Amino acid sequence: MANKLILQTDIIEFDLDGTLVNTTVAVEKTWRDLCKQHNVNADDLFEHSHGSRTSDVFARFFPNIDNTDNKAAIEFERTIVETFPDDVVVIPGARELLQSLNPHKWCIVTSGNKGIATGWFKEGKVFHDIPKPDVFIVADMVTKGKPHPEGFLRGAEILAESLNLDKSKIKKLVYEDSIAGINAGLASGATVIGVASGFTPKRLYEAGAHYVIQDMKSVKVLDGDKIELELKVIGKE
């Protein structure tokens, strides 16, 4: 059963994959190809990798692959973009939501590397009609990936400074689809909205999400400048 809820916040921090754009099919195909080459159990990898940086997955499951200077991770993500572009789709409602918000009051915090993450905003890609946000935190900009809150803390700090707001008092809303991301958002002190694009609402609530929505069509922007939103929230079972 869905309930309507109104939230007001100073800034919004979005995860990217699974939250705004769904690359799951493309990513899983690429991982399966690599797992087959190196005799790694793909299902085990998927169970422990969602929301993690590609470099961290390489370190855990492919320690024999040389990832010096993140070169293996970058090549892996390039393969996703070039080999399976037709398998990438926008999360329903995401484009309309981003177009309705003050562009200076939201950012992206992703576990992806710069090439693949910012690439979706380039000409011919899924978000080509939306300007790339001023604040875009990617994998190599943090020393610790999700579930550590470093990325969300850094994104909020930069936005707070640009908006002349006190970073210790700023109201933050985080949208995440992964367990690691939800944990990171919570640790950053944000109100966390789980997006049920991969995990069940029950699992997202168990991870600590304050609220859960099905997709971005469940978000109505009442005021894009003051960031007042109406959410159609999936209730806890």
C-alpha atoms as a PDB file:
ATOM      1  CA  MET A   1       0.000   0.000   0.000  1.00  0.00           C
ATOM      2  CA  ALA A   2       1.354   3.427  -0.971  1.00  0.00           C
ATOM      3  CA  ASN A   3       1.111   6.485   1.249  1.00  0.00           C
ATOM      4  CA  LYS A   4       1.737  10.103   0.275  1.00  0.00           C
ATOM      5  CA  LEU A   5       4.359  12.086   2.154  1.00  0.00           C
ATOM      6  CA  ILE A   6       5.671  15.641   1.765  1.00  0.00           C
ATOM      7  CA  LEU A   7       9.368  16.320   2.408  1.00  0.00           C
ATOM      8  CA  GLN A   8      11.387  19.531   2.291  1.00  0.00           C
ATOM      9  CA  THR A   9      15.164  19.549   2.016  1.00  0.00           C
ATOM     10  CA  ASP A  10      18.064  21.878   1.242  1.00  0.00           C
ATOM     11  CA  ILE A  11      19.839  19.511  -1.154  1.00  0.00           C
ATOM     12  CA  ILE A  12      19.416  16.133  -2.827  1.00  0.00           C
ATOM     13  CA  GLU A  13      22.178  13.600  -3.438  1.00  0.00           C
ATOM     14  CA  PHE A  14      21.429  10.929  -6.015  1.00  0.00           C
ATOM     15  CA  ASP A  15      23.144   7.647  -6.599  1.00  0.00           C
ATOM     16  CA  LEU A  16      23.308   7.003 -10.348  1.00  0.00           C
ATOM     17  CA  ASP A  17      23.096   3.352 -11.396  1.00  0.00           C
ATOM     18  CA  GLY A  18      19.832   1.792 -10.253  1.00  0.00           C
ATOM     19  CA  THR A  19      18.546   5.127  -8.989  1.00  0.00           C
ATOM     20  CA  LEU A  20      18.496   7.385 -12.057  1.00  0.00           C
ATOM     21  CA  VAL A  21      19.627   5.021 -14.801  1.00  0.00           C
ATOM     22  CA  ASN A  22      19.371   1.247 -14.963  1.00  0.00           C
ATOM     23  CA  THR A  23      22.509  -0.398 -16.308  1.00  0.00           C
ATOM     24  CA  THR A  24      21.983  -3.672 -14.453  1.00  0.00           C
ATOM     25  CA  VAL A  25      21.565  -5.835 -17.553  1.00  0.00           C
ATOM     26  CA  ALA A  26      24.604  -4.313 -19.278  1.00  0.00           C
ATOM     27  CA  VAL A  27      26.764  -4.465 -16.153  1.00  0.00           C
ATOM     28  CA  GLU A  28      25.818  -8.053 -15.336  1.00  0.00           C
ATOM     29  CA  LYS A  29      26.552  -9.189 -18.900  1.00  0.00           C
ATOM     30  CA  THR A  30      29.998  -7.592 -18.678  1.00  0.00           C
ATOM     31  CA  TRP A  31      30.732  -9.110 -15.264  1.00  0.00           C
ATOM     32  CA  ARG A  32      29.570 -12.556 -16.413  1.00  0.00           C
ATOM     33  CA  ASP A  33      31.917 -12.419 -19.383  1.00  0.00           C
ATOM     34  CA  LEU A  34      34.824 -11.518 -17.089  1.00  0.00           C
ATOM     35  CA  CYS A  35      33.866 -14.127 -14.479  1.00  0.00           C
ATOM     36  CA  LYS A  36      33.771 -16.815 -17.154  1.00  0.00           C
ATOM     37  CA  GLN A  37      37.260 -15.833 -18.317  1.00  0.00           C
ATOM     38  CA  HIS A  38      38.682 -16.039 -14.782  1.00  0.00           C
ATOM     39  CA  ASN A  39      36.590 -18.888 -13.316  1.00  0.00           C
ATOM     40  CA  VAL A  40      34.850 -16.669 -10.760  1.00  0.00           C
ATOM     41  CA  ASN A  41      31.339 -17.426  -9.461  1.00  0.00           C
ATOM     42  CA  ALA A  42      29.244 -14.636 -10.961  1.00  0.00           C
ATOM     43  CA  ASP A  43      26.309 -15.088  -8.574  1.00  0.00           C
ATOM     44  CA  ASP A  44      28.641 -14.711  -5.597  1.00  0.00           C
ATOM     45  CA  LEU A  45      30.082 -11.554  -7.156  1.00  0.00           C
ATOM     46  CA  PHE A  46      26.618 -10.045  -7.698  1.00  0.00           C
ATOM     47  CA  GLU A  47      25.582 -10.818  -4.127  1.00  0.00           C
ATOM     48  CA  HIS A  48      28.492  -8.828  -2.697  1.00  0.00           C
ATOM     49  CA  SER A  49      29.181  -6.121  -5.270  1.00  0.00           C
ATOM     50  CA  HIS A  50      26.036  -4.069  -5.839  1.00  0.00           C
ATOM     51  CA  GLY A  51      26.710  -0.427  -5.014  1.00  0.00           C
ATOM     52  CA  SER A  52      30.461  -0.983  -4.675  1.00  0.00           C
ATOM     53  CA  ARG A  53      33.184   0.702  -6.703  1.00  0.00           C
ATOM     54  CA  THR A  54      34.416  -1.311  -9.675  1.00  0.00           C
ATOM     55  CA  SER A  55      37.955  -1.050  -8.294  1.00  0.00           C
ATOM     56  CA  ASP A  56      36.823  -2.623  -5.002  1.00  0.00           C
ATOM     57  CA  VAL A  57      35.156  -5.497  -6.873  1.00  0.00           C
ATOM     58  CA  PHE A  58      38.357  -6.110  -8.839  1.00  0.00           C
ATOM     59  CA  ALA A  59      40.373  -6.145  -5.615  1.00  0.00           C
ATOM     60  CA  ARG A  60      38.046  -8.675  -4.008  1.00  0.00           C
ATOM     61  CA  PHE A  61      37.232 -11.037  -6.874  1.00  0.00           C
ATOM     62  CA  PHE A  62      40.036 -10.523  -9.406  1.00  0.00           C
ATOM     63  CA  PRO A  63      43.196  -9.914  -7.347  1.00  0.00           C
ATOM     64  CA  ASN A  64      45.375 -11.255 -10.168  1.00  0.00           C
ATOM     65  CA  ILE A  65      44.213  -8.587 -12.625  1.00  0.00           C
ATOM     66  CA  ASP A  66      46.486  -5.552 -12.674  1.00  0.00           C
ATOM     67  CA  ASN A  67      44.334  -2.564 -11.734  1.00  0.00           C
ATOM     68  CA  THR A  68      47.207  -0.113 -11.294  1.00  0.00           C
ATOM     69  CA  ASP A  69      45.922   3.452 -11.702  1.00  0.00           C
ATOM     70  CA  ASN A  70      42.421   1.960 -11.963  1.00  0.00           C
ATOM     71  CA  LYS A  71      43.138   0.931 -15.555  1.00  0.00           C
ATOM     72  CA  ALA A  72      41.279  -2.395 -15.406  1.00  0.00           C
ATOM     73  CA  ALA A  73      38.189  -0.807 -13.851  1.00  0.00           C
ATOM     74  CA  ILE A  74      38.166   1.972 -16.442  1.00  0.00           C
ATOM     75  CA  GLU A  75      38.492  -0.534 -19.287  1.00  0.00           C
ATOM     76  CA  PHE A  76      35.701  -2.645 -17.775  1.00  0.00           C
ATOM     77  CA  GLU A  77      33.320   0.325 -17.668  1.00  0.00           C
ATOM     78  CA  ARG A  78      34.294   1.384 -21.191  1.00  0.00           C
ATOM     79  CA  THR A  79      33.276  -2.097 -22.325  1.00  0.00           C
ATOM     80  CA  ILE A  80      29.831  -1.626 -20.765  1.00  0.00           C
ATOM     81  CA  VAL A  81      29.215   1.603 -22.671  1.00  0.00           C
ATOM     82  CA  GLU A  82      30.527   0.344 -26.002  1.00  0.00           C
ATOM     83  CA  THR A  83      29.226  -3.230 -25.976  1.00  0.00           C
ATOM     84  CA  PHE A  84      25.775  -3.034 -24.387  1.00  0.00           C
ATOM     85  CA  PRO A  85      24.421   0.542 -24.850  1.00  0.00           C
ATOM     86  CA  ASP A  86      20.954  -0.682 -25.845  1.00  0.00           C
ATOM     87  CA  ASP A  87      20.560  -2.419 -22.476  1.00  0.00           C
ATOM     88  CA  VAL A  88      20.754   0.889 -20.579  1.00  0.00           C
ATOM     89  CA  VAL A  89      17.476   2.634 -19.706  1.00  0.00           C
ATOM     90  CA  VAL A  90      16.409   5.630 -17.623  1.00  0.00           C
ATOM     91  CA  ILE A  91      14.601   4.845 -14.371  1.00  0.00           C
ATOM     92  CA  PRO A  92      10.928   5.854 -14.896  1.00  0.00           C
ATOM     93  CA  GLY A  93      10.365   9.473 -13.876  1.00  0.00           C
ATOM     94  CA  ALA A  94      14.064  10.293 -13.401  1.00  0.00           C
ATOM     95  CA  ARG A  95      14.375  12.638 -16.381  1.00  0.00           C
ATOM     96  CA  GLU A  96      11.285  14.641 -15.400  1.00  0.00           C
ATOM     97  CA  LEU A  97      12.433  14.857 -11.780  1.00  0.00           C
ATOM     98  CA  LEU A  98      15.883  16.207 -12.624  1.00  0.00           C
ATOM     99  CA  GLN A  99      14.433  18.725 -15.069  1.00  0.00           C
ATOM    100  CA  SER A 100      12.132  20.051 -12.322  1.00  0.00           C
ATOM    101  CA  LEU A 101      14.820  20.676  -9.693  1.00  0.00           C
ATOM    102  CA  ASN A 102      17.066  23.684  -9.153  1.00  0.00           C
ATOM    103  CA  PRO A 103      20.253  22.421 -10.880  1.00  0.00           C
ATOM    104  CA  HIS A 104      22.455  23.931  -8.170  1.00  0.00           C
ATOM    105  CA  LYS A 105      20.782  22.016  -5.343  1.00  0.00           C
ATOM    106  CA  TRP A 106      21.399  18.429  -6.342  1.00  0.00           C
ATOM    107  CA  CYS A 107      24.413  16.279  -7.053  1.00  0.00           C
ATOM    108  CA  ILE A 108      25.365  12.742  -8.006  1.00  0.00           C
ATOM    109  CA  VAL A 109      27.427  10.435  -5.798  1.00  0.00           C
ATOM    110  CA  THR A 110      28.293   7.250  -7.656  1.00  0.00           C
ATOM    111  CA  SER A 111      30.571   4.253  -7.296  1.00  0.00           C
ATOM    112  CA  GLY A 112      31.264   4.424 -11.034  1.00  0.00           C
ATOM    113  CA  ASN A 113      34.344   5.937 -12.606  1.00  0.00           C
ATOM    114  CA  LYS A 114      34.222   9.293 -14.382  1.00  0.00           C
ATOM    115  CA  GLY A 115      34.067   7.906 -17.917  1.00  0.00           C
ATOM    116  CA  ILE A 116      30.962   5.786 -17.523  1.00  0.00           C
ATOM    117  CA  ALA A 117      29.223   8.010 -14.963  1.00  0.00           C
ATOM    118  CA  THR A 118      29.485  11.357 -16.724  1.00  0.00           C
ATOM    119  CA  GLY A 119      29.174   9.645 -20.100  1.00  0.00           C
ATOM    120  CA  TRP A 120      25.423   9.177 -19.702  1.00  0.00           C
ATOM    121  CA  PHE A 121      25.035  12.983 -19.895  1.00  0.00           C
ATOM    122  CA  LYS A 122      26.840  13.272 -23.240  1.00  0.00           C
ATOM    123  CA  GLU A 123      25.286  13.742 -26.675  1.00  0.00           C
ATOM    124  CA  GLY A 124      23.473  10.629 -27.814  1.00  0.00           C
ATOM    125  CA  LYS A 125      23.336   9.056 -24.346  1.00  0.00           C
ATOM    126  CA  VAL A 126      20.360   8.567 -22.031  1.00  0.00           C
ATOM    127  CA  PHE A 127      20.614  11.945 -20.214  1.00  0.00           C
ATOM    128  CA  HIS A 128      21.860  14.019 -23.163  1.00  0.00           C
ATOM    129  CA  ASP A 129      19.077  16.588 -22.611  1.00  0.00           C
ATOM    130  CA  ILE A 130      19.966  17.234 -18.953  1.00  0.00           C
ATOM    131  CA  PRO A 131      23.003  19.365 -18.039  1.00  0.00           C
ATOM    132  CA  LYS A 132      25.604  17.436 -16.069  1.00  0.00           C
ATOM    133  CA  PRO A 133      25.368  18.547 -12.418  1.00  0.00           C
ATOM    134  CA  ASP A 134      27.989  20.937 -11.050  1.00  0.00           C
ATOM    135  CA  VAL A 135      28.837  18.457  -8.293  1.00  0.00           C
ATOM    136  CA  PHE A 136      29.523  14.937  -9.532  1.00  0.00           C
ATOM    137  CA  ILE A 137      31.332  12.651  -7.072  1.00  0.00           C
ATOM    138  CA  VAL A 138      32.835   9.598  -8.812  1.00  0.00           C
ATOM    139  CA  ALA A 139      34.875   6.624  -7.604  1.00  0.00           C
ATOM    140  CA  ASP A 140      38.363   8.101  -7.816  1.00  0.00           C
ATOM    141  CA  MET A 141      37.345  11.249  -5.914  1.00  0.00           C
ATOM    142  CA  VAL A 142      37.040   9.350  -2.621  1.00  0.00           C
ATOM    143  CA  THR A 143      39.447   7.149  -0.698  1.00  0.00           C
ATOM    144  CA  LYS A 144      36.674   4.924   0.658  1.00  0.00           C
ATOM    145  CA  GLY A 145      33.663   3.758  -1.337  1.00  0.00           C
ATOM    146  CA  LYS A 146      30.159   2.971  -0.125  1.00  0.00           C
ATOM    147  CA  PRO A 147      29.094   1.909   2.496  1.00  0.00           C
ATOM    148  CA  HIS A 148      31.503   4.541   3.810  1.00  0.00           C
ATOM    149  CA  PRO A 149      29.786   7.971   3.775  1.00  0.00           C
ATOM    150  CA  GLU A 150      32.768   9.883   2.350  1.00  0.00           C
ATOM    151  CA  GLY A 151      31.158  10.475  -1.035  1.00  0.00           C
ATOM    152  CA  PHE A 152      27.884  11.802   0.341  1.00  0.00           C
ATOM    153  CA  LEU A 153      29.689  13.925   2.925  1.00  0.00           C
ATOM    154  CA  ARG A 154      31.885  15.456   0.246  1.00  0.00           C
ATOM    155  CA  GLY A 155      28.975  16.133  -2.088  1.00  0.00           C
ATOM    156  CA  ALA A 156      26.987  17.807   0.671  1.00  0.00           C
ATOM    157  CA  GLU A 157      29.968  19.882   1.755  1.00  0.00           C
ATOM    158  CA  ILE A 158      30.537  21.243  -1.754  1.00  0.00           C
ATOM    159  CA  LEU A 159      26.847  22.034  -2.251  1.00  0.00           C
ATOM    160  CA  ALA A 160      26.600  23.675   1.178  1.00  0.00           C
ATOM    161  CA  GLU A 161      29.565  25.899   0.391  1.00  0.00           C
ATOM    162  CA  SER A 162      28.179  26.903  -3.006  1.00  0.00           C
ATOM    163  CA  LEU A 163      24.795  27.729  -1.455  1.00  0.00           C
ATOM    164  CA  ASN A 164      26.357  29.513   1.533  1.00  0.00           C
ATOM    165  CA  LEU A 165      24.746  27.074   3.969  1.00  0.00           C
ATOM    166  CA  ASP A 166      26.119  25.638   7.214  1.00  0.00           C
ATOM    167  CA  LYS A 167      27.266  22.117   6.306  1.00  0.00           C
ATOM    168  CA  SER A 168      26.600  20.928   9.865  1.00  0.00           C
ATOM    169  CA  LYS A 169      22.942  21.983   9.678  1.00  0.00           C
ATOM    170  CA  ILE A 170      22.107  21.374   6.026  1.00  0.00           C
ATOM    171  CA  LYS A 171      19.095  19.147   5.382  1.00  0.00           C
ATOM    172  CA  LYS A 172      20.042  16.305   3.046  1.00  0.00           C
ATOM    173  CA  LEU A 173      17.988  13.819   1.083  1.00  0.00           C
ATOM    174  CA  VAL A 174      19.718  10.776  -0.425  1.00  0.00           C
ATOM    175  CA  TYR A 175      18.196   8.518  -3.087  1.00  0.00           C
ATOM    176  CA  GLU A 176      19.765   5.050  -3.254  1.00  0.00           C
ATOM    177  CA  ASP A 177      18.916   1.596  -4.572  1.00  0.00           C
ATOM    178  CA  SER A 178      21.711  -0.468  -2.985  1.00  0.00           C
ATOM    179  CA  ILE A 179      22.283  -1.689   0.551  1.00  0.00           C
ATOM    180  CA  ALA A 180      25.812  -0.267   0.592  1.00  0.00           C
ATOM    181  CA  GLY A 181      24.488   3.075  -0.627  1.00  0.00           C
ATOM    182  CA  ILE A 182      21.717   3.193   1.949  1.00  0.00           C
ATOM    183  CA  ASN A 183      24.258   2.513   4.695  1.00  0.00           C
ATOM    184  CA  ALA A 184      26.457   5.297   3.329  1.00  0.00           C
ATOM    185  CA  GLY A 185      23.568   7.740   3.197  1.00  0.00           C
ATOM    186  CA  LEU A 186      22.526   6.951   6.750  1.00  0.00           C
ATOM    187  CA  ALA A 187      26.094   7.342   8.003  1.00  0.00           C
ATOM    188  CA  SER A 188      26.257  10.762   6.332  1.00  0.00           C
ATOM    189  CA  GLY A 189      23.300  11.958   8.389  1.00  0.00           C
ATOM    190  CA  ALA A 190      20.846  12.186   5.497  1.00  0.00           C
ATOM    191  CA  THR A 191      17.234  11.139   5.196  1.00  0.00           C
ATOM    192  CA  VAL A 192      17.462   8.143   2.865  1.00  0.00           C
ATOM    193  CA  ILE A 193      14.917   7.201   0.215  1.00  0.00           C
ATOM    194  CA  GLY A 194      15.278   3.658  -1.059  1.00  0.00           C
ATOM    195  CA  VAL A 195      14.480   3.038  -4.730  1.00  0.00           C
ATOM    196  CA  ALA A 196      13.133  -0.476  -5.308  1.00  0.00           C
ATOM    197  CA  SER A 197      14.727  -1.065  -8.702  1.00  0.00           C
ATOM    198  CA  GLY A 198      16.751  -4.074  -7.578  1.00  0.00           C
ATOM    199  CA  PHE A 199      15.989  -5.026  -3.994  1.00  0.00           C
ATOM    200  CA  THR A 200      12.537  -5.545  -2.496  1.00  0.00           C
ATOM    201  CA  PRO A 201      11.042  -2.712  -0.426  1.00  0.00           C
ATOM    202  CA  LYS A 202      11.269  -4.981   2.617  1.00  0.00           C
ATOM    203  CA  ARG A 203      15.017  -5.459   2.119  1.00  0.00           C
ATOM    204  CA  LEU A 204      15.560  -1.707   1.678  1.00  0.00           C
ATOM    205  CA  TYR A 205      13.661  -0.968   4.883  1.00  0.00           C
ATOM    206  CA  GLU A 206      15.676  -3.642   6.681  1.00  0.00           C
ATOM    207  CA  ALA A 207      18.838  -1.875   5.492  1.00  0.00           C
ATOM    208  CA  GLY A 208      17.623   1.280   7.208  1.00  0.00           C
ATOM    209  CA  ALA A 209      15.944   3.329   4.469  1.00  0.00           C
ATOM    210  CA  HIS A 210      13.606   5.875   6.011  1.00  0.00           C
ATOM    211  CA  TYR A 211      11.183   5.567   3.096  1.00  0.00           C
ATOM    212  CA  VAL A 212      10.965   3.436  -0.049  1.00  0.00           C
ATOM    213  CA  ILE A 213       9.563   4.302  -3.482  1.00  0.00           C
ATOM    214  CA  GLN A 214       9.093   2.144  -6.577  1.00  0.00           C
ATOM    215  CA  ASP A 215      10.772   4.571  -8.986  1.00  0.00           C
ATOM    216  CA  MET A 216      11.068   8.294  -9.674  1.00  0.00           C
ATOM    217  CA  LYS A 217       7.496   8.484 -10.998  1.00  0.00           C
ATOM    218  CA  SER A 218       6.616   8.270  -7.302  1.00  0.00           C
ATOM    219  CA  VAL A 219       8.172  11.714  -6.729  1.00  0.00           C
ATOM    220  CA  LYS A 220       6.210  14.901  -7.477  1.00  0.00           C
ATOM    221  CA  VAL A 221       8.074  18.213  -7.299  1.00  0.00           C
ATOM    222  CA  LEU A 222       5.929  20.798  -5.510  1.00  0.00           C
ATOM    223  CA  ASP A 223       8.685  23.430  -5.486  1.00  0.00           C
ATOM    224  CA  GLY A 224      11.870  22.810  -7.448  1.00  0.00           C
ATOM    225  CA  ASP A 225      13.760  25.738  -5.939  1.00  0.00           C
ATOM    226  CA  LYS A 226      12.912  25.232  -2.275  1.00  0.00           C
ATOM    227  CA  ILE A 227      13.042  21.474  -2.919  1.00  0.00           C
ATOM    228  CA  GLU A 228       9.627  20.483  -1.625  1.00  0.00           C
ATOM    229  CA  LEU A 229       8.575  17.027  -2.774  1.00  0.00           C
ATOM    230  CA  GLU A 230       5.542  14.806  -2.535  1.00  0.00           C
ATOM    231  CA  LEU A 231       6.439  11.123  -2.395  1.00  0.00           C
ATOM    232  CA  LYS A 232       4.242   8.107  -2.980  1.00  0.00           C
ATOM    233  CA  VAL A 233       5.859   5.848  -0.406  1.00  0.00           C
ATOM    234  CA  ILE A 234       5.628   2.060  -0.237  1.00  0.00           C
ATOM    235  CA  GLY A 235       4.586   1.110   3.285  1.00  0.00           C
ATOM    236  CA  LYS A 236       6.499  -1.278   5.512  1.00  0.00           C
ATOM    237  CA  GLU A 237       5.117  -4.804   5.465  1.00  0.00           C
END
